[in-house]
Amino acid sequence: MSYTLNGQAVALTEEPHEKDGVVYVPLKEVVTALGGTVTWDNETKTAAATIGQWTATFQMAENTADVNGTAVTYSAPSYVDNGELYVPVDFFQQAYGYKLAGSGTDVSLSV
């Protein structure tokens, strides 16, 4: 299992994995590797992930996000496991316009 982000192989501590037919990735690690930031509001269970000029805000266990005022939908709800928030890999395509490639749990995102 591997990540390729903007053409570069990247080693992250949490690997992509499949759950119920959907490939999930750790939100914070992937956003950080793409040069962005993530904030978490534990009271509302809301994450805000910013990459460049785009900020996606969403609640845990939802499959929709507000991206700079526009609602987007991705394939499955996010979830938390061992303190890490996971999102479907297509979240990055829907929220930020990244192109998806790869197969299974080999994840490739590019602009």
Protein backbone atom coordinates (compact mmCIF):
# COMPACT_ATOMS: atom_id res chain seq x y z
CA MET A 1 0.00 0.00 0.00
CA SER A 2 1.39 3.36 -0.93
CA TYR A 3 0.72 7.02 -1.51
CA THR A 4 1.74 9.09 -4.48
CA LEU A 5 0.92 12.76 -3.95
CA ASN A 6 1.53 15.18 -6.83
CA GLY A 7 3.83 12.68 -8.48
CA GLN A 8 5.98 12.00 -5.42
CA ALA A 9 6.01 8.77 -3.40
CA VAL A 10 5.15 9.67 0.19
CA ALA A 11 5.50 7.56 3.33
CA LEU A 12 2.83 8.29 5.94
CA THR A 13 2.37 6.52 9.27
CA GLU A 14 -1.24 5.51 8.54
CA GLU A 15 -1.75 3.42 5.44
CA PRO A 16 -4.78 3.62 3.18
CA HIS A 17 -7.24 0.82 3.88
CA GLU A 18 -10.47 -0.55 2.54
CA LYS A 19 -13.68 -0.67 4.56
CA ASP A 20 -17.00 -1.78 3.09
CA GLY A 21 -15.60 -1.42 -0.44
CA VAL A 22 -14.35 2.17 0.11
CA VAL A 23 -10.68 3.18 0.31
CA TYR A 24 -10.05 5.45 3.31
CA VAL A 25 -7.06 7.64 4.11
CA PRO A 26 -6.05 9.58 7.25
CA LEU A 27 -7.26 13.15 6.73
CA LYS A 28 -4.63 15.05 8.69
CA GLU A 29 -1.60 13.22 7.31
CA VAL A 30 -2.71 13.49 3.69
CA VAL A 31 -3.72 17.15 3.97
CA THR A 32 -0.42 17.99 5.69
CA ALA A 33 1.55 16.10 3.02
CA LEU A 34 -0.29 18.19 0.38
CA GLY A 35 0.82 21.38 2.16
CA GLY A 36 -2.41 22.07 4.01
CA THR A 37 -3.69 22.21 7.57
CA VAL A 38 -6.48 20.58 9.56
CA THR A 39 -8.29 21.86 12.62
CA TRP A 40 -10.69 19.85 14.76
CA ASP A 41 -13.49 21.09 17.00
CA ASN A 42 -14.10 18.29 19.51
CA GLU A 43 -17.27 19.90 20.85
CA THR A 44 -19.06 19.90 17.47
CA LYS A 45 -17.07 17.00 15.97
CA THR A 46 -16.25 19.24 13.01
CA ALA A 47 -13.07 19.24 10.92
CA ALA A 48 -11.81 22.05 8.70
CA ALA A 49 -9.19 21.00 6.15
CA THR A 50 -7.47 23.76 4.16
CA ILE A 51 -5.33 23.19 1.08
CA GLY A 52 -4.37 26.38 -0.74
CA GLN A 53 -7.40 28.61 -1.11
CA TRP A 54 -9.90 25.81 -0.45
CA THR A 55 -11.32 24.94 2.97
CA ALA A 56 -13.55 21.90 3.39
CA THR A 57 -15.59 21.89 6.59
CA PHE A 58 -17.50 18.78 7.63
CA GLN A 59 -18.77 16.82 10.60
CA MET A 60 -17.55 13.37 11.53
CA ALA A 61 -19.75 10.53 10.23
CA GLU A 62 -21.06 12.66 7.34
CA ASN A 63 -20.38 12.29 3.62
CA THR A 64 -20.90 15.94 2.72
CA ALA A 65 -18.68 18.96 3.17
CA ASP A 66 -18.92 22.69 2.70
CA VAL A 67 -16.07 23.83 0.47
CA ASN A 68 -15.84 27.62 0.43
CA GLY A 69 -19.64 27.84 0.50
CA THR A 70 -20.37 25.03 -1.96
CA ALA A 71 -21.78 21.69 -0.78
CA VAL A 72 -19.95 18.60 -2.06
CA THR A 73 -20.74 14.93 -1.53
CA TYR A 74 -18.25 12.08 -1.43
CA SER A 75 -18.71 8.29 -1.44
CA ALA A 76 -19.01 7.43 2.27
CA PRO A 77 -19.02 9.01 5.74
CA SER A 78 -15.81 9.84 7.57
CA TYR A 79 -15.02 8.03 10.80
CA VAL A 80 -12.54 8.05 13.69
CA ASP A 81 -10.37 5.08 14.63
CA ASN A 82 -7.73 5.27 17.38
CA GLY A 83 -7.95 9.06 17.42
CA GLU A 84 -7.40 9.42 13.65
CA LEU A 85 -10.08 10.85 11.33
CA TYR A 86 -10.39 8.88 8.09
CA VAL A 87 -12.10 10.06 4.92
CA PRO A 88 -12.79 8.26 1.64
CA VAL A 89 -10.02 8.99 -0.85
CA ASP A 90 -12.56 10.54 -3.24
CA PHE A 91 -13.06 13.30 -0.65
CA PHE A 92 -9.92 14.92 -2.12
CA GLN A 93 -11.35 14.75 -5.63
CA GLN A 94 -14.73 16.19 -4.64
CA ALA A 95 -13.45 18.85 -2.22
CA TYR A 96 -10.22 20.00 -3.92
CA GLY A 97 -10.33 18.71 -7.49
CA TYR A 98 -7.45 16.23 -7.18
CA LYS A 99 -7.30 13.51 -9.81
CA LEU A 100 -7.44 9.97 -8.45
CA ALA A 101 -5.39 7.10 -9.83
CA GLY A 102 -4.11 3.79 -8.58
CA SER A 103 -5.93 0.64 -7.67
CA GLY A 104 -7.10 -0.92 -4.45
CA THR A 105 -5.33 0.76 -1.57
CA ASP A 106 -2.51 2.22 -3.70
CA VAL A 107 -3.49 5.89 -3.52
CA SER A 108 -2.41 8.48 -6.08
CA LEU A 109 -3.63 12.10 -5.94
CA SER A 110 -2.50 14.81 -8.32
CA VAL A 111 -3.59 18.29 -9.37
